Amino acid sequence: MKNIFRILLNKKLLAMGAALLWGASSATAADTATGSLKEMASNDSFLWMILTLEIILILIGLVLIVVILKMKSILFGVEEAEGAEAVESVSFFEKWASKLQDAVPVDREEEIMTDHEYDGIIELDNNLPPWWKMLFNLSILFAAIYIGIYHLSDAGPSSEEEYLTAMEEARIEVEAFMAQKANSIDELNVVAVSDESALAEGKQIFQTSCAACHGKEGQGGVGPNMTDNYWLHGGDIKDVFKTIKYGVPEKGMISWKTQLSPSQMQSVASYILTLVGTNPPNPKDPQGDLYEPTEGSTDAVSSNKTVEDNNISMVN
């Protein structure tokens, strides 16, 4: 068992491990630290955290080496016999480890004893380990660099700028999601919209594509009157949307699904419903069935009263 420990705690192996740890960490830091300071800060605000973690990992590795060397000293001692005399042999790493710890040997503890005694336990006045103070000073240095980059110069974005950037990215994502959601609208899930922008879009589409047959105010022409309560194919939002989407080819109305997006068809269908009851001048006579919407329902309800249907180019 001791031989195994001696192999694992071999000075050359420890030196090689430290070199590999340092080299791997330095290589990673070098790969991530390409480009100018401003480009790094603006393009990858996470970079500084990565570099900090690299430094911490290096220091942790060094502390582990110190602990291993301390274990070696405890297990095997640092004295090697040469002939009849025992000569103390202390390696470079062991000296370096001792400096990082700044620990007082057990046989000299009386030098740092205080007058505080609790149940026979005497308090010692040890110095803080240099490796701990090194980490503390590095954190102060990191804070100073961080404040300089992100608060006192234009090298990196401030917290406010990062917030505004994040909000803009979120707005774009929301618009993309809403666009994707809008494209999933069909005659089964469509609902009437009431926001001004959607109704304005619907009005524009109606004036451009529908007014030629139904009149600019929806009073009817070649097509039926859109302002009364009589509908040829149902007066619910789902019915109007379906009529716009698939058309009525046998009556001369084309399908608009290849020319309008689902959200656009929803907007124009919603606008058409706002024309009901507007009573424009010279309205066309009613056609179809009387639609009487029920509260809380979007299903079309038709009466038994039907009027003569005629050929049209676009029907509601």
C-alpha atoms as a PDB file:
ATOM      1  CA  MET A   1       0.000   0.000   0.000  1.00  0.00           C
ATOM      2  CA  LYS A   2       2.801   2.416   0.845  1.00  0.00           C
ATOM      3  CA  ASN A   3       4.422   1.751  -2.510  1.00  0.00           C
ATOM      4  CA  ILE A   4       1.210   2.707  -4.257  1.00  0.00           C
ATOM      5  CA  PHE A   5       1.063   5.961  -2.289  1.00  0.00           C
ATOM      6  CA  ARG A   6       4.698   6.656  -3.086  1.00  0.00           C
ATOM      7  CA  ILE A   7       4.004   6.239  -6.801  1.00  0.00           C
ATOM      8  CA  LEU A   8       0.931   8.495  -6.662  1.00  0.00           C
ATOM      9  CA  LEU A   9       2.777  11.119  -4.625  1.00  0.00           C
ATOM     10  CA  ASN A  10       5.914  11.023  -6.742  1.00  0.00           C
ATOM     11  CA  LYS A  11       7.322  14.526  -7.206  1.00  0.00           C
ATOM     12  CA  LYS A  12       7.682  14.144 -10.953  1.00  0.00           C
ATOM     13  CA  LEU A  13       4.096  12.971 -11.325  1.00  0.00           C
ATOM     14  CA  LEU A  14       2.866  15.888  -9.237  1.00  0.00           C
ATOM     15  CA  ALA A  15       4.898  18.305 -11.318  1.00  0.00           C
ATOM     16  CA  MET A  16       3.549  16.778 -14.514  1.00  0.00           C
ATOM     17  CA  GLY A  17      -0.032  16.983 -13.208  1.00  0.00           C
ATOM     18  CA  ALA A  18       0.409  20.630 -12.240  1.00  0.00           C
ATOM     19  CA  ALA A  19       1.861  21.418 -15.663  1.00  0.00           C
ATOM     20  CA  LEU A  20      -1.019  19.658 -17.430  1.00  0.00           C
ATOM     21  CA  LEU A  21      -3.585  21.472 -15.278  1.00  0.00           C
ATOM     22  CA  TRP A  22      -1.983  24.821 -15.939  1.00  0.00           C
ATOM     23  CA  GLY A  23      -1.590  24.132 -19.667  1.00  0.00           C
ATOM     24  CA  ALA A  24      -5.181  22.951 -20.160  1.00  0.00           C
ATOM     25  CA  SER A  25      -6.586  25.920 -18.273  1.00  0.00           C
ATOM     26  CA  SER A  26      -4.349  28.388 -20.106  1.00  0.00           C
ATOM     27  CA  ALA A  27      -5.288  26.890 -23.476  1.00  0.00           C
ATOM     28  CA  THR A  28      -8.989  27.159 -22.725  1.00  0.00           C
ATOM     29  CA  ALA A  29      -8.596  30.728 -21.544  1.00  0.00           C
ATOM     30  CA  ALA A  30      -6.561  31.587 -24.653  1.00  0.00           C
ATOM     31  CA  ASP A  31      -9.193  30.085 -26.959  1.00  0.00           C
ATOM     32  CA  THR A  32     -11.993  32.065 -25.358  1.00  0.00           C
ATOM     33  CA  ALA A  33      -9.994  35.274 -25.061  1.00  0.00           C
ATOM     34  CA  THR A  34      -9.749  36.018 -28.798  1.00  0.00           C
ATOM     35  CA  GLY A  35     -10.787  39.367 -30.242  1.00  0.00           C
ATOM     36  CA  SER A  36     -10.626  42.857 -28.823  1.00  0.00           C
ATOM     37  CA  LEU A  37     -11.750  43.686 -25.301  1.00  0.00           C
ATOM     38  CA  LYS A  38     -14.831  45.523 -26.500  1.00  0.00           C
ATOM     39  CA  GLU A  39     -15.815  42.735 -28.874  1.00  0.00           C
ATOM     40  CA  MET A  40     -15.388  40.154 -26.111  1.00  0.00           C
ATOM     41  CA  ALA A  41     -17.455  42.146 -23.662  1.00  0.00           C
ATOM     42  CA  SER A  42     -20.240  42.936 -26.131  1.00  0.00           C
ATOM     43  CA  ASN A  43     -20.383  39.616 -27.976  1.00  0.00           C
ATOM     44  CA  ASP A  44     -19.911  37.312 -25.014  1.00  0.00           C
ATOM     45  CA  SER A  45     -20.644  38.835 -21.613  1.00  0.00           C
ATOM     46  CA  PHE A  46     -20.208  35.346 -20.169  1.00  0.00           C
ATOM     47  CA  LEU A  47     -16.510  35.343 -21.089  1.00  0.00           C
ATOM     48  CA  TRP A  48     -15.320  37.050 -17.923  1.00  0.00           C
ATOM     49  CA  MET A  49     -17.085  34.518 -15.769  1.00  0.00           C
ATOM     50  CA  ILE A  50     -15.394  31.724 -17.737  1.00  0.00           C
ATOM     51  CA  LEU A  51     -11.970  33.308 -17.259  1.00  0.00           C
ATOM     52  CA  THR A  52     -12.641  33.754 -13.543  1.00  0.00           C
ATOM     53  CA  LEU A  53     -13.644  30.122 -13.230  1.00  0.00           C
ATOM     54  CA  GLU A  54     -10.454  29.136 -15.044  1.00  0.00           C
ATOM     55  CA  ILE A  55      -8.364  31.044 -12.501  1.00  0.00           C
ATOM     56  CA  ILE A  56     -10.292  29.522  -9.616  1.00  0.00           C
ATOM     57  CA  LEU A  57      -9.805  26.023 -11.052  1.00  0.00           C
ATOM     58  CA  ILE A  58      -6.078  26.620 -11.374  1.00  0.00           C
ATOM     59  CA  LEU A  59      -5.854  27.791  -7.781  1.00  0.00           C
ATOM     60  CA  ILE A  60      -7.947  24.865  -6.576  1.00  0.00           C
ATOM     61  CA  GLY A  61      -5.604  22.511  -8.423  1.00  0.00           C
ATOM     62  CA  LEU A  62      -2.621  24.134  -6.795  1.00  0.00           C
ATOM     63  CA  VAL A  63      -4.224  23.864  -3.364  1.00  0.00           C
ATOM     64  CA  LEU A  64      -4.907  20.184  -4.009  1.00  0.00           C
ATOM     65  CA  ILE A  65      -1.232  19.689  -4.838  1.00  0.00           C
ATOM     66  CA  VAL A  66      -0.339  21.398  -1.571  1.00  0.00           C
ATOM     67  CA  VAL A  67      -2.682  19.076   0.321  1.00  0.00           C
ATOM     68  CA  ILE A  68      -1.216  16.027  -1.400  1.00  0.00           C
ATOM     69  CA  LEU A  69       2.299  17.136  -0.551  1.00  0.00           C
ATOM     70  CA  LYS A  70       1.224  17.655   3.030  1.00  0.00           C
ATOM     71  CA  MET A  71      -0.187  14.123   3.078  1.00  0.00           C
ATOM     72  CA  LYS A  72       3.078  12.842   1.713  1.00  0.00           C
ATOM     73  CA  SER A  73       4.975  14.667   4.443  1.00  0.00           C
ATOM     74  CA  ILE A  74       2.701  13.172   7.099  1.00  0.00           C
ATOM     75  CA  LEU A  75       2.840   9.644   5.684  1.00  0.00           C
ATOM     76  CA  PHE A  76       6.483   9.348   4.811  1.00  0.00           C
ATOM     77  CA  GLY A  77       8.272  12.341   6.313  1.00  0.00           C
ATOM     78  CA  VAL A  78      10.745  14.512   4.502  1.00  0.00           C
ATOM     79  CA  GLU A  79      13.932  12.971   5.819  1.00  0.00           C
ATOM     80  CA  GLU A  80      16.019  10.641   3.734  1.00  0.00           C
ATOM     81  CA  ALA A  81      18.890   8.671   5.114  1.00  0.00           C
ATOM     82  CA  GLU A  82      22.243   9.032   3.356  1.00  0.00           C
ATOM     83  CA  GLY A  83      24.734   6.674   4.838  1.00  0.00           C
ATOM     84  CA  ALA A  84      24.825   6.966   8.613  1.00  0.00           C
ATOM     85  CA  GLU A  85      23.435  10.491   8.745  1.00  0.00           C
ATOM     86  CA  ALA A  86      19.821  11.581   8.159  1.00  0.00           C
ATOM     87  CA  VAL A  87      19.778  14.536   5.810  1.00  0.00           C
ATOM     88  CA  GLU A  88      16.601  16.560   5.454  1.00  0.00           C
ATOM     89  CA  SER A  89      15.534  16.726   1.822  1.00  0.00           C
ATOM     90  CA  VAL A  90      12.883  19.280   0.993  1.00  0.00           C
ATOM     91  CA  SER A  91      11.710  19.608  -2.606  1.00  0.00           C
ATOM     92  CA  PHE A  92      10.825  22.815  -4.379  1.00  0.00           C
ATOM     93  CA  PHE A  93       7.119  21.952  -4.314  1.00  0.00           C
ATOM     94  CA  GLU A  94       7.235  21.236  -0.589  1.00  0.00           C
ATOM     95  CA  LYS A  95       8.896  24.596   0.068  1.00  0.00           C
ATOM     96  CA  TRP A  96       6.336  26.286  -2.146  1.00  0.00           C
ATOM     97  CA  ALA A  97       3.501  24.447  -0.396  1.00  0.00           C
ATOM     98  CA  SER A  98       4.815  25.556   2.958  1.00  0.00           C
ATOM     99  CA  LYS A  99       4.869  29.171   1.827  1.00  0.00           C
ATOM    100  CA  LEU A 100       1.273  28.924   0.536  1.00  0.00           C
ATOM    101  CA  GLN A 101       0.099  27.551   3.878  1.00  0.00           C
ATOM    102  CA  ASP A 102       2.292  29.673   6.175  1.00  0.00           C
ATOM    103  CA  ALA A 103       1.580  27.126   8.908  1.00  0.00           C
ATOM    104  CA  VAL A 104       3.537  27.106  12.150  1.00  0.00           C
ATOM    105  CA  PRO A 105       5.035  23.672  12.928  1.00  0.00           C
ATOM    106  CA  VAL A 106       3.531  21.792  15.856  1.00  0.00           C
ATOM    107  CA  ASP A 107       6.743  22.006  17.852  1.00  0.00           C
ATOM    108  CA  ARG A 108       6.594  25.840  17.644  1.00  0.00           C
ATOM    109  CA  GLU A 109       2.935  26.341  18.452  1.00  0.00           C
ATOM    110  CA  GLU A 110       3.785  27.860  21.826  1.00  0.00           C
ATOM    111  CA  GLU A 111       5.017  30.903  19.881  1.00  0.00           C
ATOM    112  CA  ILE A 112       1.533  31.709  18.655  1.00  0.00           C
ATOM    113  CA  MET A 113      -0.492  30.675  21.689  1.00  0.00           C
ATOM    114  CA  THR A 114      -2.919  33.212  23.130  1.00  0.00           C
ATOM    115  CA  ASP A 115      -4.258  33.540  26.639  1.00  0.00           C
ATOM    116  CA  HIS A 116      -7.658  32.225  25.511  1.00  0.00           C
ATOM    117  CA  GLU A 117      -8.314  28.781  26.899  1.00  0.00           C
ATOM    118  CA  TYR A 118     -11.577  26.843  26.684  1.00  0.00           C
ATOM    119  CA  ASP A 119     -11.928  23.459  28.369  1.00  0.00           C
ATOM    120  CA  GLY A 120      -8.224  22.875  28.099  1.00  0.00           C
ATOM    121  CA  ILE A 121      -8.086  23.970  24.441  1.00  0.00           C
ATOM    122  CA  ILE A 122      -5.736  26.884  23.831  1.00  0.00           C
ATOM    123  CA  GLU A 123      -6.479  29.253  20.968  1.00  0.00           C
ATOM    124  CA  LEU A 124      -3.690  29.817  18.442  1.00  0.00           C
ATOM    125  CA  ASP A 125      -3.097  33.046  16.551  1.00  0.00           C
ATOM    126  CA  ASN A 126      -2.406  31.612  13.082  1.00  0.00           C
ATOM    127  CA  ASN A 127      -1.965  33.829  10.065  1.00  0.00           C
ATOM    128  CA  LEU A 128      -4.410  33.625   7.202  1.00  0.00           C
ATOM    129  CA  PRO A 129      -3.072  31.235   4.525  1.00  0.00           C
ATOM    130  CA  PRO A 130      -1.403  33.137   1.657  1.00  0.00           C
ATOM    131  CA  TRP A 131      -3.401  31.162  -0.913  1.00  0.00           C
ATOM    132  CA  TRP A 132      -6.642  32.441   0.688  1.00  0.00           C
ATOM    133  CA  LYS A 133      -5.390  36.029   0.714  1.00  0.00           C
ATOM    134  CA  MET A 134      -4.362  35.585  -2.923  1.00  0.00           C
ATOM    135  CA  LEU A 135      -7.913  34.580  -3.871  1.00  0.00           C
ATOM    136  CA  PHE A 136      -9.316  37.504  -1.895  1.00  0.00           C
ATOM    137  CA  ASN A 137      -7.020  39.974  -3.657  1.00  0.00           C
ATOM    138  CA  LEU A 138      -7.875  38.460  -7.021  1.00  0.00           C
ATOM    139  CA  SER A 139     -11.588  38.962  -6.310  1.00  0.00           C
ATOM    140  CA  ILE A 140     -10.880  42.641  -5.555  1.00  0.00           C
ATOM    141  CA  LEU A 141      -8.894  42.935  -8.786  1.00  0.00           C
ATOM    142  CA  PHE A 142     -11.697  41.258 -10.730  1.00  0.00           C
ATOM    143  CA  ALA A 143     -14.244  43.667  -9.213  1.00  0.00           C
ATOM    144  CA  ALA A 144     -12.118  46.671 -10.197  1.00  0.00           C
ATOM    145  CA  ILE A 145     -11.743  45.403 -13.774  1.00  0.00           C
ATOM    146  CA  TYR A 146     -15.447  44.589 -13.985  1.00  0.00           C
ATOM    147  CA  ILE A 147     -16.489  48.047 -12.775  1.00  0.00           C
ATOM    148  CA  GLY A 148     -14.049  49.679 -15.194  1.00  0.00           C
ATOM    149  CA  ILE A 149     -15.313  47.713 -18.176  1.00  0.00           C
ATOM    150  CA  TYR A 150     -19.059  47.715 -17.522  1.00  0.00           C
ATOM    151  CA  HIS A 151     -19.616  50.955 -15.584  1.00  0.00           C
ATOM    152  CA  LEU A 152     -16.820  53.443 -16.228  1.00  0.00           C
ATOM    153  CA  SER A 153     -16.095  52.840 -19.919  1.00  0.00           C
ATOM    154  CA  ASP A 154     -17.827  51.804 -23.133  1.00  0.00           C
ATOM    155  CA  ALA A 155     -15.896  48.552 -23.411  1.00  0.00           C
ATOM    156  CA  GLY A 156     -18.854  46.510 -22.150  1.00  0.00           C
ATOM    157  CA  PRO A 157     -22.606  47.041 -21.876  1.00  0.00           C
ATOM    158  CA  SER A 158     -23.987  48.464 -18.648  1.00  0.00           C
ATOM    159  CA  SER A 159     -26.721  46.740 -16.683  1.00  0.00           C
ATOM    160  CA  GLU A 160     -29.291  49.068 -18.260  1.00  0.00           C
ATOM    161  CA  GLU A 161     -28.002  48.333 -21.755  1.00  0.00           C
ATOM    162  CA  GLU A 162     -28.076  44.592 -21.083  1.00  0.00           C
ATOM    163  CA  TYR A 163     -31.650  44.951 -19.823  1.00  0.00           C
ATOM    164  CA  LEU A 164     -32.742  46.873 -22.921  1.00  0.00           C
ATOM    165  CA  THR A 165     -31.008  44.345 -25.167  1.00  0.00           C
ATOM    166  CA  ALA A 166     -32.696  41.463 -23.365  1.00  0.00           C
ATOM    167  CA  MET A 167     -36.085  43.178 -23.650  1.00  0.00           C
ATOM    168  CA  GLU A 168     -35.588  43.749 -27.374  1.00  0.00           C
ATOM    169  CA  GLU A 169     -34.617  40.111 -27.868  1.00  0.00           C
ATOM    170  CA  ALA A 170     -37.696  39.077 -25.892  1.00  0.00           C
ATOM    171  CA  ARG A 171     -39.898  41.341 -28.034  1.00  0.00           C
ATOM    172  CA  ILE A 172     -38.563  39.747 -31.213  1.00  0.00           C
ATOM    173  CA  GLU A 173     -39.142  36.278 -29.767  1.00  0.00           C
ATOM    174  CA  VAL A 174     -42.701  37.200 -28.779  1.00  0.00           C
ATOM    175  CA  GLU A 175     -43.397  38.569 -32.269  1.00  0.00           C
ATOM    176  CA  ALA A 176     -42.021  35.387 -33.815  1.00  0.00           C
ATOM    177  CA  PHE A 177     -44.153  33.272 -31.491  1.00  0.00           C
ATOM    178  CA  MET A 178     -47.266  35.319 -32.209  1.00  0.00           C
ATOM    179  CA  ALA A 179     -46.594  35.096 -35.946  1.00  0.00           C
ATOM    180  CA  GLN A 180     -46.258  31.332 -35.665  1.00  0.00           C
ATOM    181  CA  LYS A 181     -49.404  31.204 -33.556  1.00  0.00           C
ATOM    182  CA  ALA A 182     -51.241  33.424 -36.040  1.00  0.00           C
ATOM    183  CA  ASN A 183     -50.368  31.036 -38.856  1.00  0.00           C
ATOM    184  CA  SER A 184     -52.036  28.208 -36.927  1.00  0.00           C
ATOM    185  CA  ILE A 185     -55.453  29.923 -36.965  1.00  0.00           C
ATOM    186  CA  ASP A 186     -58.175  28.017 -38.802  1.00  0.00           C
ATOM    187  CA  GLU A 187     -61.972  27.844 -38.937  1.00  0.00           C
ATOM    188  CA  LEU A 188     -62.023  25.669 -35.797  1.00  0.00           C
ATOM    189  CA  ASN A 189     -60.165  27.961 -33.405  1.00  0.00           C
ATOM    190  CA  VAL A 190     -60.592  31.442 -34.898  1.00  0.00           C
ATOM    191  CA  VAL A 191     -62.042  34.136 -32.634  1.00  0.00           C
ATOM    192  CA  ALA A 192     -63.124  37.679 -33.380  1.00  0.00           C
ATOM    193  CA  VAL A 193     -60.432  40.218 -32.561  1.00  0.00           C
ATOM    194  CA  SER A 194     -61.143  43.722 -31.331  1.00  0.00           C
ATOM    195  CA  ASP A 195     -57.779  45.508 -31.175  1.00  0.00           C
ATOM    196  CA  GLU A 196     -57.506  48.545 -33.396  1.00  0.00           C
ATOM    197  CA  SER A 197     -54.468  47.425 -35.371  1.00  0.00           C
ATOM    198  CA  ALA A 198     -56.089  44.134 -36.413  1.00  0.00           C
ATOM    199  CA  LEU A 199     -59.370  45.838 -37.368  1.00  0.00           C
ATOM    200  CA  ALA A 200     -57.461  48.506 -39.308  1.00  0.00           C
ATOM    201  CA  GLU A 201     -55.669  45.737 -41.199  1.00  0.00           C
ATOM    202  CA  GLY A 202     -59.022  44.023 -41.832  1.00  0.00           C
ATOM    203  CA  LYS A 203     -60.539  47.250 -43.127  1.00  0.00           C
ATOM    204  CA  GLN A 204     -57.618  47.779 -45.498  1.00  0.00           C
ATOM    205  CA  ILE A 205     -57.984  44.241 -46.868  1.00  0.00           C
ATOM    206  CA  PHE A 206     -61.744  44.670 -47.208  1.00  0.00           C
ATOM    207  CA  GLN A 207     -61.388  47.946 -49.111  1.00  0.00           C
ATOM    208  CA  THR A 208     -58.786  46.418 -51.417  1.00  0.00           C
ATOM    209  CA  SER A 209     -60.221  42.956 -52.050  1.00  0.00           C
ATOM    210  CA  CYS A 210     -63.886  42.914 -51.024  1.00  0.00           C
ATOM    211  CA  ALA A 211     -65.366  46.367 -51.661  1.00  0.00           C
ATOM    212  CA  ALA A 212     -65.692  45.759 -55.420  1.00  0.00           C
ATOM    213  CA  CYS A 213     -68.420  43.180 -54.781  1.00  0.00           C
ATOM    214  CA  HIS A 214     -69.768  44.188 -51.364  1.00  0.00           C
ATOM    215  CA  GLY A 215     -69.423  47.970 -51.474  1.00  0.00           C
ATOM    216  CA  LYS A 216     -66.990  50.155 -49.590  1.00  0.00           C
ATOM    217  CA  GLU A 217     -69.358  50.370 -46.639  1.00  0.00           C
ATOM    218  CA  GLY A 218     -70.473  46.747 -46.889  1.00  0.00           C
ATOM    219  CA  GLN A 219     -73.876  47.756 -48.290  1.00  0.00           C
ATOM    220  CA  GLY A 220     -73.705  45.092 -50.997  1.00  0.00           C
ATOM    221  CA  GLY A 221     -73.442  45.205 -54.765  1.00  0.00           C
ATOM    222  CA  VAL A 222     -72.700  42.191 -56.861  1.00  0.00           C
ATOM    223  CA  GLY A 223     -72.250  40.454 -53.535  1.00  0.00           C
ATOM    224  CA  PRO A 224     -74.698  40.490 -50.625  1.00  0.00           C
ATOM    225  CA  ASN A 225     -75.192  43.153 -47.979  1.00  0.00           C
ATOM    226  CA  MET A 226     -72.743  42.737 -45.080  1.00  0.00           C
ATOM    227  CA  THR A 227     -74.496  45.135 -42.685  1.00  0.00           C
ATOM    228  CA  ASP A 228     -77.733  43.266 -41.942  1.00  0.00           C
ATOM    229  CA  ASN A 229     -78.343  40.152 -39.872  1.00  0.00           C
ATOM    230  CA  TYR A 230     -78.947  37.818 -42.818  1.00  0.00           C
ATOM    231  CA  TRP A 231     -76.178  35.510 -43.910  1.00  0.00           C
ATOM    232  CA  LEU A 232     -75.915  32.971 -46.688  1.00  0.00           C
ATOM    233  CA  HIS A 233     -73.279  30.791 -45.023  1.00  0.00           C
ATOM    234  CA  GLY A 234     -73.616  31.650 -41.341  1.00  0.00           C
ATOM    235  CA  GLY A 235     -72.873  34.818 -39.398  1.00  0.00           C
ATOM    236  CA  ASP A 236     -70.523  33.426 -36.758  1.00  0.00           C
ATOM    237  CA  ILE A 237     -66.831  34.384 -36.898  1.00  0.00           C
ATOM    238  CA  LYS A 238     -65.960  30.769 -37.745  1.00  0.00           C
ATOM    239  CA  ASP A 239     -68.465  30.761 -40.621  1.00  0.00           C
ATOM    240  CA  VAL A 240     -67.245  34.066 -42.032  1.00  0.00           C
ATOM    241  CA  PHE A 241     -63.603  32.945 -41.734  1.00  0.00           C
ATOM    242  CA  LYS A 242     -64.405  29.644 -43.481  1.00  0.00           C
ATOM    243  CA  THR A 243     -66.227  31.424 -46.307  1.00  0.00           C
ATOM    244  CA  ILE A 244     -63.263  33.754 -46.852  1.00  0.00           C
ATOM    245  CA  LYS A 245     -60.751  30.917 -46.641  1.00  0.00           C
ATOM    246  CA  TYR A 246     -62.408  28.433 -49.019  1.00  0.00           C
ATOM    247  CA  GLY A 247     -64.641  30.750 -51.017  1.00  0.00           C
ATOM    248  CA  VAL A 248     -67.817  29.689 -52.796  1.00  0.00           C
ATOM    249  CA  PRO A 249     -66.621  28.728 -56.269  1.00  0.00           C
ATOM    250  CA  GLU A 250     -70.103  27.840 -57.531  1.00  0.00           C
ATOM    251  CA  LYS A 251     -71.205  31.413 -56.745  1.00  0.00           C
ATOM    252  CA  GLY A 252     -68.105  33.025 -58.190  1.00  0.00           C
ATOM    253  CA  MET A 253     -66.243  33.800 -54.946  1.00  0.00           C
ATOM    254  CA  ILE A 254     -62.627  32.708 -54.987  1.00  0.00           C
ATOM    255  CA  SER A 255     -60.716  31.116 -52.133  1.00  0.00           C
ATOM    256  CA  TRP A 256     -58.467  33.647 -50.376  1.00  0.00           C
ATOM    257  CA  LYS A 257     -56.312  31.175 -48.429  1.00  0.00           C
ATOM    258  CA  THR A 258     -53.504  31.401 -50.990  1.00  0.00           C
ATOM    259  CA  GLN A 259     -53.485  35.215 -50.952  1.00  0.00           C
ATOM    260  CA  LEU A 260     -54.133  36.012 -47.299  1.00  0.00           C
ATOM    261  CA  SER A 261     -52.466  34.616 -44.203  1.00  0.00           C
ATOM    262  CA  PRO A 262     -54.627  33.070 -41.458  1.00  0.00           C
ATOM    263  CA  SER A 263     -54.183  36.159 -39.281  1.00  0.00           C
ATOM    264  CA  GLN A 264     -55.190  38.433 -42.165  1.00  0.00           C
ATOM    265  CA  MET A 265     -58.322  36.362 -42.801  1.00  0.00           C
ATOM    266  CA  GLN A 266     -59.115  36.607 -39.095  1.00  0.00           C
ATOM    267  CA  SER A 267     -58.694  40.382 -39.217  1.00  0.00           C
ATOM    268  CA  VAL A 268     -60.953  40.887 -42.251  1.00  0.00           C
ATOM    269  CA  ALA A 269     -63.575  38.496 -40.859  1.00  0.00           C
ATOM    270  CA  SER A 270     -63.572  40.424 -37.580  1.00  0.00           C
ATOM    271  CA  TYR A 271     -63.893  43.722 -39.452  1.00  0.00           C
ATOM    272  CA  ILE A 272     -66.832  42.403 -41.469  1.00  0.00           C
ATOM    273  CA  LEU A 273     -68.681  41.615 -38.240  1.00  0.00           C
ATOM    274  CA  THR A 274     -68.228  45.229 -37.109  1.00  0.00           C
ATOM    275  CA  LEU A 275     -70.239  46.353 -40.176  1.00  0.00           C
ATOM    276  CA  VAL A 276     -73.396  44.642 -38.941  1.00  0.00           C
ATOM    277  CA  GLY A 277     -75.980  47.260 -37.919  1.00  0.00           C
ATOM    278  CA  THR A 278     -74.180  50.246 -39.464  1.00  0.00           C
ATOM    279  CA  ASN A 279     -77.103  50.954 -41.868  1.00  0.00           C
ATOM    280  CA  PRO A 280     -75.216  52.464 -44.837  1.00  0.00           C
ATOM    281  CA  PRO A 281     -77.120  54.277 -47.601  1.00  0.00           C
ATOM    282  CA  ASN A 282     -78.692  52.211 -50.420  1.00  0.00           C
ATOM    283  CA  PRO A 283     -78.241  48.791 -48.798  1.00  0.00           C
ATOM    284  CA  LYS A 284     -78.935  45.661 -50.802  1.00  0.00           C
ATOM    285  CA  ASP A 285     -81.907  43.565 -49.811  1.00  0.00           C
ATOM    286  CA  PRO A 286     -81.272  40.841 -47.231  1.00  0.00           C
ATOM    287  CA  GLN A 287     -80.163  37.417 -48.437  1.00  0.00           C
ATOM    288  CA  GLY A 288     -79.847  34.124 -46.599  1.00  0.00           C
ATOM    289  CA  ASP A 289     -80.893  33.215 -43.072  1.00  0.00           C
ATOM    290  CA  LEU A 290     -81.375  35.450 -40.073  1.00  0.00           C
ATOM    291  CA  TYR A 291     -78.479  35.007 -37.691  1.00  0.00           C
ATOM    292  CA  GLU A 292     -79.183  35.540 -34.023  1.00  0.00           C
ATOM    293  CA  PRO A 293     -76.008  35.065 -31.963  1.00  0.00           C
ATOM    294  CA  THR A 294     -76.417  33.607 -28.487  1.00  0.00           C
ATOM    295  CA  GLU A 295     -74.458  35.000 -25.547  1.00  0.00           C
ATOM    296  CA  GLY A 296     -71.263  33.069 -24.867  1.00  0.00           C
ATOM    297  CA  SER A 297     -71.490  31.123 -28.120  1.00  0.00           C
ATOM    298  CA  THR A 298     -69.865  31.610 -31.522  1.00  0.00           C
ATOM    299  CA  ASP A 299     -72.069  29.057 -33.333  1.00  0.00           C
ATOM    300  CA  ALA A 300     -74.341  30.346 -36.036  1.00  0.00           C
ATOM    301  CA  VAL A 301     -78.059  30.186 -35.311  1.00  0.00           C
ATOM    302  CA  SER A 302     -80.337  30.371 -38.325  1.00  0.00           C
ATOM    303  CA  SER A 303     -84.069  30.920 -38.490  1.00  0.00           C
ATOM    304  CA  ASN A 304     -86.471  29.274 -40.913  1.00  0.00           C
ATOM    305  CA  LYS A 305     -86.776  32.480 -42.865  1.00  0.00           C
ATOM    306  CA  THR A 306     -84.844  32.218 -46.118  1.00  0.00           C
ATOM    307  CA  VAL A 307     -84.806  34.698 -48.964  1.00  0.00           C
ATOM    308  CA  GLU A 308     -83.929  34.182 -52.557  1.00  0.00           C
ATOM    309  CA  ASP A 309     -80.261  33.561 -53.261  1.00  0.00           C
ATOM    310  CA  ASN A 310     -78.663  34.914 -56.414  1.00  0.00           C
ATOM    311  CA  ASN A 311     -75.337  34.498 -58.160  1.00  0.00           C
ATOM    312  CA  ILE A 312     -72.594  36.584 -56.596  1.00  0.00           C
ATOM    313  CA  SER A 313     -68.889  36.953 -56.979  1.00  0.00           C
ATOM    314  CA  MET A 314     -68.196  37.122 -53.202  1.00  0.00           C
ATOM    315  CA  VAL A 315     -70.568  36.103 -50.415  1.00  0.00           C
ATOM    316  CA  ASN A 316     -70.483  36.517 -46.639  1.00  0.00           C
END
